[in-house]
Amino acid sequence: MLVLLIAIQYPLWLGKGGWLKVYEMEKQVELQEAKNSLLALRNAKLAGDVKDLKDGTRAIEERARVEHGLIKEGEFFVQILPSDKSLSPPPTKQ
């Protein structure tokens, strides 16, 4: 009777459709759903960028300013650099 019980339990736990396989598949599905949600957010952002580039001029102007440093006529470009304290000599000990 014990052998029969073990024979019945083996496919339930370790077989092709056993509980362990189901548990592993559920974990894989959760990981894939997390990846898919990140990709969906990225796709939504890219779709918004494409829509802005097709419909308006503000996105094109912003990209030209940021990526290429372009300015309009009559505008001045001012760049403020942070002070770099690593260039000053270290204090001397007395």
PDB file of N, CA and C in Angstrom:
ATOM      1  N   MET A   1       0.812  -1.184   0.000  1.00  0.00           N
ATOM      2  CA  MET A   1       0.000   0.000   0.000  1.00  0.00           C
ATOM      3  C   MET A   1       0.871   1.270   0.000  1.00  0.00           C
ATOM      4  N   LEU A   2       1.988   1.246   0.736  1.00  0.00           N
ATOM      5  CA  LEU A   2       2.900   2.384   0.790  1.00  0.00           C
ATOM      6  C   LEU A   2       3.525   2.642  -0.572  1.00  0.00           C
ATOM      7  N   VAL A   3       3.893   1.585  -1.277  1.00  0.00           N
ATOM      8  CA  VAL A   3       4.472   1.720  -2.614  1.00  0.00           C
ATOM      9  C   VAL A   3       3.449   2.330  -3.558  1.00  0.00           C
ATOM     10  N   LEU A   4       2.206   1.939  -3.462  1.00  0.00           N
ATOM     11  CA  LEU A   4       1.152   2.495  -4.306  1.00  0.00           C
ATOM     12  C   LEU A   4       0.947   3.980  -4.001  1.00  0.00           C
ATOM     13  N   LEU A   5       0.988   4.334  -2.735  1.00  0.00           N
ATOM     14  CA  LEU A   5       0.856   5.740  -2.349  1.00  0.00           C
ATOM     15  C   LEU A   5       2.007   6.570  -2.905  1.00  0.00           C
ATOM     16  N   ILE A   6       3.231   6.061  -2.827  1.00  0.00           N
ATOM     17  CA  ILE A   6       4.391   6.765  -3.378  1.00  0.00           C
ATOM     18  C   ILE A   6       4.298   6.860  -4.891  1.00  0.00           C
ATOM     19  N   ALA A   7       3.821   5.795  -5.536  1.00  0.00           N
ATOM     20  CA  ALA A   7       3.677   5.796  -6.992  1.00  0.00           C
ATOM     21  C   ALA A   7       2.661   6.836  -7.446  1.00  0.00           C
ATOM     22  N   ILE A   8       1.646   7.053  -6.649  1.00  0.00           N
ATOM     23  CA  ILE A   8       0.638   8.065  -6.999  1.00  0.00           C
ATOM     24  C   ILE A   8       1.177   9.472  -6.730  1.00  0.00           C
ATOM     25  N   GLN A   9       1.936   9.653  -5.687  1.00  0.00           N
ATOM     26  CA  GLN A   9       2.441  10.966  -5.310  1.00  0.00           C
ATOM     27  C   GLN A   9       3.556  11.463  -6.225  1.00  0.00           C
ATOM     28  N   TYR A  10       4.335  10.549  -6.792  1.00  0.00           N
ATOM     29  CA  TYR A  10       5.475  10.953  -7.628  1.00  0.00           C
ATOM     30  C   TYR A  10       5.047  11.851  -8.788  1.00  0.00           C
ATOM     31  N   PRO A  11       4.070  11.457  -9.625  1.00  0.00           N
ATOM     32  CA  PRO A  11       3.696  12.369 -10.721  1.00  0.00           C
ATOM     33  C   PRO A  11       3.058  13.670 -10.227  1.00  0.00           C
ATOM     34  N   LEU A  12       2.404  13.595  -9.058  1.00  0.00           N
ATOM     35  CA  LEU A  12       1.780  14.798  -8.528  1.00  0.00           C
ATOM     36  C   LEU A  12       2.818  15.846  -8.158  1.00  0.00           C
ATOM     37  N   TRP A  13       3.949  15.452  -7.624  1.00  0.00           N
ATOM     38  CA  TRP A  13       4.974  16.389  -7.199  1.00  0.00           C
ATOM     39  C   TRP A  13       6.064  16.602  -8.237  1.00  0.00           C
ATOM     40  N   LEU A  14       6.529  15.561  -8.874  1.00  0.00           N
ATOM     41  CA  LEU A  14       7.692  15.663  -9.749  1.00  0.00           C
ATOM     42  C   LEU A  14       7.390  15.406 -11.219  1.00  0.00           C
ATOM     43  N   GLY A  15       6.181  15.100 -11.548  1.00  0.00           N
ATOM     44  CA  GLY A  15       5.834  14.764 -12.930  1.00  0.00           C
ATOM     45  C   GLY A  15       5.785  15.981 -13.836  1.00  0.00           C
ATOM     46  N   LYS A  16       5.379  15.748 -15.085  1.00  0.00           N
ATOM     47  CA  LYS A  16       5.351  16.801 -16.105  1.00  0.00           C
ATOM     48  C   LYS A  16       4.431  17.966 -15.707  1.00  0.00           C
ATOM     49  N   GLY A  17       3.304  17.660 -15.123  1.00  0.00           N
ATOM     50  CA  GLY A  17       2.370  18.704 -14.688  1.00  0.00           C
ATOM     51  C   GLY A  17       2.274  18.779 -13.179  1.00  0.00           C
ATOM     52  N   GLY A  18       3.353  18.420 -12.487  1.00  0.00           N
ATOM     53  CA  GLY A  18       3.339  18.376 -11.036  1.00  0.00           C
ATOM     54  C   GLY A  18       3.389  19.755 -10.396  1.00  0.00           C
ATOM     55  N   TRP A  19       3.228  19.757  -9.073  1.00  0.00           N
ATOM     56  CA  TRP A  19       3.194  21.008  -8.330  1.00  0.00           C
ATOM     57  C   TRP A  19       4.484  21.807  -8.453  1.00  0.00           C
ATOM     58  N   LEU A  20       5.607  21.148  -8.487  1.00  0.00           N
ATOM     59  CA  LEU A  20       6.876  21.881  -8.590  1.00  0.00           C
ATOM     60  C   LEU A  20       7.005  22.572  -9.943  1.00  0.00           C
ATOM     61  N   LYS A  21       6.579  21.900 -11.002  1.00  0.00           N
ATOM     62  CA  LYS A  21       6.622  22.532 -12.337  1.00  0.00           C
ATOM     63  C   LYS A  21       5.675  23.722 -12.397  1.00  0.00           C
ATOM     64  N   VAL A  22       4.500  23.552 -11.800  1.00  0.00           N
ATOM     65  CA  VAL A  22       3.533  24.658 -11.784  1.00  0.00           C
ATOM     66  C   VAL A  22       4.108  25.848 -11.034  1.00  0.00           C
ATOM     67  N   TYR A  23       4.754  25.604  -9.905  1.00  0.00           N
ATOM     68  CA  TYR A  23       5.363  26.668  -9.108  1.00  0.00           C
ATOM     69  C   TYR A  23       6.456  27.376  -9.914  1.00  0.00           C
ATOM     70  N   GLU A  24       7.302  26.616 -10.585  1.00  0.00           N
ATOM     71  CA  GLU A  24       8.364  27.215 -11.411  1.00  0.00           C
ATOM     72  C   GLU A  24       7.780  28.044 -12.545  1.00  0.00           C
ATOM     73  N   MET A  25       6.742  27.534 -13.178  1.00  0.00           N
ATOM     74  CA  MET A  25       6.114  28.276 -14.282  1.00  0.00           C
ATOM     75  C   MET A  25       5.461  29.562 -13.786  1.00  0.00           C
ATOM     76  N   GLU A  26       4.843  29.525 -12.605  1.00  0.00           N
ATOM     77  CA  GLU A  26       4.241  30.739 -12.053  1.00  0.00           C
ATOM     78  C   GLU A  26       5.302  31.799 -11.789  1.00  0.00           C
ATOM     79  N   LYS A  27       6.452  31.388 -11.285  1.00  0.00           N
ATOM     80  CA  LYS A  27       7.549  32.338 -11.057  1.00  0.00           C
ATOM     81  C   LYS A  27       8.027  32.937 -12.378  1.00  0.00           C
ATOM     82  N   GLN A  28       8.154  32.104 -13.408  1.00  0.00           N
ATOM     83  CA  GLN A  28       8.581  32.606 -14.719  1.00  0.00           C
ATOM     84  C   GLN A  28       7.565  33.587 -15.288  1.00  0.00           C
ATOM     85  N   VAL A  29       6.277  33.294 -15.095  1.00  0.00           N
ATOM     86  CA  VAL A  29       5.228  34.193 -15.580  1.00  0.00           C
ATOM     87  C   VAL A  29       5.305  35.531 -14.855  1.00  0.00           C
ATOM     88  N   GLU A  30       5.528  35.514 -13.537  1.00  0.00           N
ATOM     89  CA  GLU A  30       5.645  36.766 -12.783  1.00  0.00           C
ATOM     90  C   GLU A  30       6.824  37.599 -13.265  1.00  0.00           C
ATOM     91  N   LEU A  31       7.966  36.943 -13.507  1.00  0.00           N
ATOM     92  CA  LEU A  31       9.137  37.668 -14.012  1.00  0.00           C
ATOM     93  C   LEU A  31       8.862  38.273 -15.382  1.00  0.00           C
ATOM     94  N   GLN A  32       8.217  37.493 -16.249  1.00  0.00           N
ATOM     95  CA  GLN A  32       7.930  37.998 -17.594  1.00  0.00           C
ATOM     96  C   GLN A  32       6.930  39.142 -17.558  1.00  0.00           C
ATOM     97  N   GLU A  33       5.942  39.073 -16.652  1.00  0.00           N
ATOM     98  CA  GLU A  33       4.978  40.169 -16.528  1.00  0.00           C
ATOM     99  C   GLU A  33       5.658  41.440 -16.036  1.00  0.00           C
ATOM    100  N   ALA A  34       6.621  41.306 -15.138  1.00  0.00           N
ATOM    101  CA  ALA A  34       7.364  42.482 -14.666  1.00  0.00           C
ATOM    102  C   ALA A  34       8.165  43.096 -15.807  1.00  0.00           C
ATOM    103  N   LYS A  35       8.823  42.245 -16.601  1.00  0.00           N
ATOM    104  CA  LYS A  35       9.574  42.748 -17.754  1.00  0.00           C
ATOM    105  C   LYS A  35       8.642  43.420 -18.749  1.00  0.00           C
ATOM    106  N   ASN A  36       7.482  42.812 -18.980  1.00  0.00           N
ATOM    107  CA  ASN A  36       6.529  43.377 -19.935  1.00  0.00           C
ATOM    108  C   ASN A  36       6.011  44.731 -19.477  1.00  0.00           C
ATOM    109  N   SER A  37       5.781  44.903 -18.169  1.00  0.00           N
ATOM    110  CA  SER A  37       5.287  46.192 -17.693  1.00  0.00           C
ATOM    111  C   SER A  37       6.344  47.282 -17.863  1.00  0.00           C
ATOM    112  N   LEU A  38       7.623  46.946 -17.648  1.00  0.00           N
ATOM    113  CA  LEU A  38       8.692  47.926 -17.880  1.00  0.00           C
ATOM    114  C   LEU A  38       8.772  48.299 -19.358  1.00  0.00           C
ATOM    115  N   LEU A  39       8.652  47.295 -20.214  1.00  0.00           N
ATOM    116  CA  LEU A  39       8.697  47.569 -21.654  1.00  0.00           C
ATOM    117  C   LEU A  39       7.477  48.363 -22.110  1.00  0.00           C
ATOM    118  N   ALA A  40       6.322  48.117 -21.488  1.00  0.00           N
ATOM    119  CA  ALA A  40       5.124  48.882 -21.841  1.00  0.00           C
ATOM    120  C   ALA A  40       5.292  50.350 -21.464  1.00  0.00           C
ATOM    121  N   LEU A  41       5.904  50.619 -20.316  1.00  0.00           N
ATOM    122  CA  LEU A  41       6.173  52.011 -19.933  1.00  0.00           C
ATOM    123  C   LEU A  41       7.125  52.674 -20.914  1.00  0.00           C
ATOM    124  N   ARG A  42       8.167  51.941 -21.308  1.00  0.00           N
ATOM    125  CA  ARG A  42       9.124  52.491 -22.270  1.00  0.00           C
ATOM    126  C   ARG A  42       8.440  52.766 -23.602  1.00  0.00           C
ATOM    127  N   ASN A  43       7.586  51.842 -24.046  1.00  0.00           N
ATOM    128  CA  ASN A  43       6.877  52.029 -25.311  1.00  0.00           C
ATOM    129  C   ASN A  43       5.932  53.217 -25.255  1.00  0.00           C
ATOM    130  N   ALA A  44       5.272  53.408 -24.121  1.00  0.00           N
ATOM    131  CA  ALA A  44       4.370  54.554 -23.985  1.00  0.00           C
ATOM    132  C   ALA A  44       5.149  55.861 -24.064  1.00  0.00           C
ATOM    133  N   LYS A  45       6.325  55.894 -23.435  1.00  0.00           N
ATOM    134  CA  LYS A  45       7.155  57.100 -23.491  1.00  0.00           C
ATOM    135  C   LYS A  45       7.616  57.368 -24.916  1.00  0.00           C
ATOM    136  N   LEU A  46       8.046  56.321 -25.605  1.00  0.00           N
ATOM    137  CA  LEU A  46       8.478  56.494 -26.992  1.00  0.00           C
ATOM    138  C   LEU A  46       7.322  56.911 -27.894  1.00  0.00           C
ATOM    139  N   ALA A  47       6.139  56.367 -27.644  1.00  0.00           N
ATOM    140  CA  ALA A  47       4.969  56.750 -28.450  1.00  0.00           C
ATOM    141  C   ALA A  47       4.648  58.229 -28.226  1.00  0.00           C
ATOM    142  N   GLY A  48       4.780  58.700 -26.991  1.00  0.00           N
ATOM    143  CA  GLY A  48       4.572  60.122 -26.716  1.00  0.00           C
ATOM    144  C   GLY A  48       5.593  60.986 -27.426  1.00  0.00           C
ATOM    145  N   ASP A  49       6.857  60.546 -27.436  1.00  0.00           N
ATOM    146  CA  ASP A  49       7.898  61.300 -28.146  1.00  0.00           C
ATOM    147  C   ASP A  49       7.611  61.363 -29.635  1.00  0.00           C
ATOM    148  N   VAL A  50       7.201  60.244 -30.203  1.00  0.00           N
ATOM    149  CA  VAL A  50       6.892  60.212 -31.639  1.00  0.00           C
ATOM    150  C   VAL A  50       5.727  61.134 -31.946  1.00  0.00           C
ATOM    151  N   LYS A  51       4.689  61.090 -31.102  1.00  0.00           N
ATOM    152  CA  LYS A  51       3.530  61.966 -31.322  1.00  0.00           C
ATOM    153  C   LYS A  51       3.941  63.429 -31.252  1.00  0.00           C
ATOM    154  N   ASP A  52       4.767  63.785 -30.266  1.00  0.00           N
ATOM    155  CA  ASP A  52       5.233  65.169 -30.157  1.00  0.00           C
ATOM    156  C   ASP A  52       6.046  65.579 -31.379  1.00  0.00           C
ATOM    157  N   LEU A  53       6.890  64.699 -31.848  1.00  0.00           N
ATOM    158  CA  LEU A  53       7.715  65.031 -33.010  1.00  0.00           C
ATOM    159  C   LEU A  53       6.871  65.183 -34.273  1.00  0.00           C
ATOM    160  N   LYS A  54       5.804  64.397 -34.397  1.00  0.00           N
ATOM    161  CA  LYS A  54       4.947  64.485 -35.579  1.00  0.00           C
ATOM    162  C   LYS A  54       4.038  65.707 -35.542  1.00  0.00           C
ATOM    163  N   ASP A  55       3.492  66.005 -34.349  1.00  0.00           N
ATOM    164  CA  ASP A  55       2.457  67.027 -34.261  1.00  0.00           C
ATOM    165  C   ASP A  55       2.982  68.428 -33.965  1.00  0.00           C
ATOM    166  N   GLY A  56       3.946  68.557 -33.100  1.00  0.00           N
ATOM    167  CA  GLY A  56       4.342  69.883 -32.661  1.00  0.00           C
ATOM    168  C   GLY A  56       5.778  70.206 -32.986  1.00  0.00           C
ATOM    169  N   THR A  57       6.100  71.469 -32.770  1.00  0.00           N
ATOM    170  CA  THR A  57       7.467  71.912 -33.029  1.00  0.00           C
ATOM    171  C   THR A  57       8.265  72.056 -31.739  1.00  0.00           C
ATOM    172  N   ARG A  58       7.578  72.005 -30.585  1.00  0.00           N
ATOM    173  CA  ARG A  58       8.285  72.191 -29.316  1.00  0.00           C
ATOM    174  C   ARG A  58       9.269  71.062 -29.048  1.00  0.00           C
ATOM    175  N   ALA A  59       8.872  69.837 -29.373  1.00  0.00           N
ATOM    176  CA  ALA A  59       9.766  68.701 -29.125  1.00  0.00           C
ATOM    177  C   ALA A  59      10.982  68.773 -30.036  1.00  0.00           C
ATOM    178  N   ILE A  60      10.771  69.163 -31.262  1.00  0.00           N
ATOM    179  CA  ILE A  60      11.885  69.273 -32.207  1.00  0.00           C
ATOM    180  C   ILE A  60      12.841  70.375 -31.744  1.00  0.00           C
ATOM    181  N   GLU A  61      12.259  71.493 -31.327  1.00  0.00           N
ATOM    182  CA  GLU A  61      13.087  72.608 -30.848  1.00  0.00           C
ATOM    183  C   GLU A  61      13.865  72.206 -29.596  1.00  0.00           C
ATOM    184  N   GLU A  62      13.206  71.504 -28.686  1.00  0.00           N
ATOM    185  CA  GLU A  62      13.878  71.077 -27.456  1.00  0.00           C
ATOM    186  C   GLU A  62      15.032  70.123 -27.757  1.00  0.00           C
ATOM    187  N   ARG A  63      14.813  69.175 -28.658  1.00  0.00           N
ATOM    188  CA  ARG A  63      15.897  68.254 -29.021  1.00  0.00           C
ATOM    189  C   ARG A  63      17.056  68.995 -29.684  1.00  0.00           C
ATOM    190  N   ALA A  64      16.744  69.957 -30.534  1.00  0.00           N
ATOM    191  CA  ALA A  64      17.800  70.723 -31.197  1.00  0.00           C
ATOM    192  C   ALA A  64      18.611  71.518 -30.173  1.00  0.00           C
ATOM    193  N   ARG A  65      17.943  72.069 -29.184  1.00  0.00           N
ATOM    194  CA  ARG A  65      18.650  72.834 -28.159  1.00  0.00           C
ATOM    195  C   ARG A  65      19.524  71.932 -27.287  1.00  0.00           C
ATOM    196  N   VAL A  66      18.970  70.806 -26.846  1.00  0.00           N
ATOM    197  CA  VAL A  66      19.689  69.935 -25.913  1.00  0.00           C
ATOM    198  C   VAL A  66      20.811  69.171 -26.621  1.00  0.00           C
ATOM    199  N   GLU A  67      20.482  68.547 -27.740  1.00  0.00           N
ATOM    200  CA  GLU A  67      21.451  67.664 -28.386  1.00  0.00           C
ATOM    201  C   GLU A  67      22.483  68.411 -29.224  1.00  0.00           C
ATOM    202  N   HIS A  68      22.095  69.553 -29.787  1.00  0.00           N
ATOM    203  CA  HIS A  68      22.999  70.247 -30.714  1.00  0.00           C
ATOM    204  C   HIS A  68      23.398  71.641 -30.249  1.00  0.00           C
ATOM    205  N   GLY A  69      22.839  72.097 -29.144  1.00  0.00           N
ATOM    206  CA  GLY A  69      23.210  73.402 -28.605  1.00  0.00           C
ATOM    207  C   GLY A  69      22.756  74.562 -29.482  1.00  0.00           C
ATOM    208  N   LEU A  70      21.672  74.401 -30.205  1.00  0.00           N
ATOM    209  CA  LEU A  70      21.199  75.471 -31.084  1.00  0.00           C
ATOM    210  C   LEU A  70      20.450  76.540 -30.291  1.00  0.00           C
ATOM    211  N   ILE A  71      20.550  77.788 -30.762  1.00  0.00           N
ATOM    212  CA  ILE A  71      19.837  78.889 -30.138  1.00  0.00           C
ATOM    213  C   ILE A  71      19.134  79.681 -31.229  1.00  0.00           C
ATOM    214  N   LYS A  72      18.097  80.411 -30.839  1.00  0.00           N
ATOM    215  CA  LYS A  72      17.351  81.236 -31.786  1.00  0.00           C
ATOM    216  C   LYS A  72      18.080  82.545 -32.010  1.00  0.00           C
ATOM    217  N   GLU A  73      17.672  83.262 -33.045  1.00  0.00           N
ATOM    218  CA  GLU A  73      18.230  84.593 -33.295  1.00  0.00           C
ATOM    219  C   GLU A  73      17.810  85.514 -32.162  1.00  0.00           C
ATOM    220  N   GLY A  74      18.760  86.308 -31.684  1.00  0.00           N
ATOM    221  CA  GLY A  74      18.472  87.248 -30.607  1.00  0.00           C
ATOM    222  C   GLY A  74      18.608  86.649 -29.219  1.00  0.00           C
ATOM    223  N   GLU A  75      18.883  85.358 -29.120  1.00  0.00           N
ATOM    224  CA  GLU A  75      19.071  84.730 -27.814  1.00  0.00           C
ATOM    225  C   GLU A  75      20.560  84.651 -27.492  1.00  0.00           C
ATOM    226  N   PHE A  76      20.864  84.593 -26.237  1.00  0.00           N
ATOM    227  CA  PHE A  76      22.241  84.426 -25.794  1.00  0.00           C
ATOM    228  C   PHE A  76      22.345  83.113 -25.036  1.00  0.00           C
ATOM    229  N   PHE A  77      23.426  82.416 -25.268  1.00  0.00           N
ATOM    230  CA  PHE A  77      23.680  81.168 -24.568  1.00  0.00           C
ATOM    231  C   PHE A  77      24.647  81.440 -23.429  1.00  0.00           C
ATOM    232  N   VAL A  78      24.214  81.117 -22.215  1.00  0.00           N
ATOM    233  CA  VAL A  78      25.051  81.307 -21.036  1.00  0.00           C
ATOM    234  C   VAL A  78      25.193  79.955 -20.359  1.00  0.00           C
ATOM    235  N   GLN A  79      26.433  79.561 -20.123  1.00  0.00           N
ATOM    236  CA  GLN A  79      26.684  78.294 -19.445  1.00  0.00           C
ATOM    237  C   GLN A  79      27.420  78.582 -18.148  1.00  0.00           C
ATOM    238  N   ILE A  80      26.848  78.133 -17.054  1.00  0.00           N
ATOM    239  CA  ILE A  80      27.444  78.350 -15.744  1.00  0.00           C
ATOM    240  C   ILE A  80      28.033  77.029 -15.287  1.00  0.00           C
ATOM    241  N   LEU A  81      29.330  77.028 -15.093  1.00  0.00           N
ATOM    242  CA  LEU A  81      30.015  75.819 -14.665  1.00  0.00           C
ATOM    243  C   LEU A  81      30.165  75.822 -13.152  1.00  0.00           C
ATOM    244  N   PRO A  82      30.003  74.662 -12.515  1.00  0.00           N
ATOM    245  CA  PRO A  82      30.195  74.618 -11.061  1.00  0.00           C
ATOM    246  C   PRO A  82      31.666  74.790 -10.723  1.00  0.00           C
ATOM    247  N   SER A  83      31.909  75.401  -9.580  1.00  0.00           N
ATOM    248  CA  SER A  83      33.304  75.591  -9.183  1.00  0.00           C
ATOM    249  C   SER A  83      33.881  74.230  -8.830  1.00  0.00           C
ATOM    250  N   ASP A  84      35.063  73.961  -9.321  1.00  0.00           N
ATOM    251  CA  ASP A  84      35.709  72.672  -9.106  1.00  0.00           C
ATOM    252  C   ASP A  84      36.764  72.847  -8.029  1.00  0.00           C
ATOM    253  N   LYS A  85      36.528  72.339  -6.859  1.00  0.00           N
ATOM    254  CA  LYS A  85      37.456  72.521  -5.735  1.00  0.00           C
ATOM    255  C   LYS A  85      38.655  71.602  -5.850  1.00  0.00           C
ATOM    256  N   SER A  86      38.598  70.625  -6.767  1.00  0.00           N
ATOM    257  CA  SER A  86      39.724  69.713  -6.906  1.00  0.00           C
ATOM    258  C   SER A  86      40.910  70.396  -7.614  1.00  0.00           C
ATOM    259  N   LEU A  87      40.670  71.531  -8.265  1.00  0.00           N
ATOM    260  CA  LEU A  87      41.736  72.234  -8.954  1.00  0.00           C
ATOM    261  C   LEU A  87      42.581  73.081  -8.008  1.00  0.00           C
ATOM    262  N   SER A  88      41.984  73.475  -6.882  1.00  0.00           N
ATOM    263  CA  SER A  88      42.760  74.293  -5.939  1.00  0.00           C
ATOM    264  C   SER A  88      43.747  73.412  -5.190  1.00  0.00           C
ATOM    265  N   PRO A  89      44.914  73.990  -4.828  1.00  0.00           N
ATOM    266  CA  PRO A  89      45.917  73.176  -4.125  1.00  0.00           C
ATOM    267  C   PRO A  89      45.435  72.793  -2.734  1.00  0.00           C
ATOM    268  N   PRO A  90      45.839  71.617  -2.265  1.00  0.00           N
ATOM    269  CA  PRO A  90      45.400  71.194  -0.936  1.00  0.00           C
ATOM    270  C   PRO A  90      46.026  72.070   0.138  1.00  0.00           C
ATOM    271  N   PRO A  91      45.356  72.261   1.270  1.00  0.00           N
ATOM    272  CA  PRO A  91      45.924  73.111   2.341  1.00  0.00           C
ATOM    273  C   PRO A  91      47.167  72.437   2.924  1.00  0.00           C
ATOM    274  N   THR A  92      48.121  73.290   3.282  1.00  0.00           N
ATOM    275  CA  THR A  92      49.381  72.762   3.838  1.00  0.00           C
ATOM    276  C   THR A  92      49.257  72.670   5.345  1.00  0.00           C
ATOM    277  N   LYS A  93      49.886  71.665   5.912  1.00  0.00           N
ATOM    278  CA  LYS A  93      49.898  71.482   7.365  1.00  0.00           C
ATOM    279  C   LYS A  93      51.073  72.235   7.954  1.00  0.00           C
ATOM    280  N   GLN A  94      50.850  72.849   9.084  1.00  0.00           N
ATOM    281  CA  GLN A  94      51.933  73.608   9.715  1.00  0.00           C
ATOM    282  C   GLN A  94      52.328  72.996  11.020  1.00  0.00           C
TER     283      GLN A  94
END
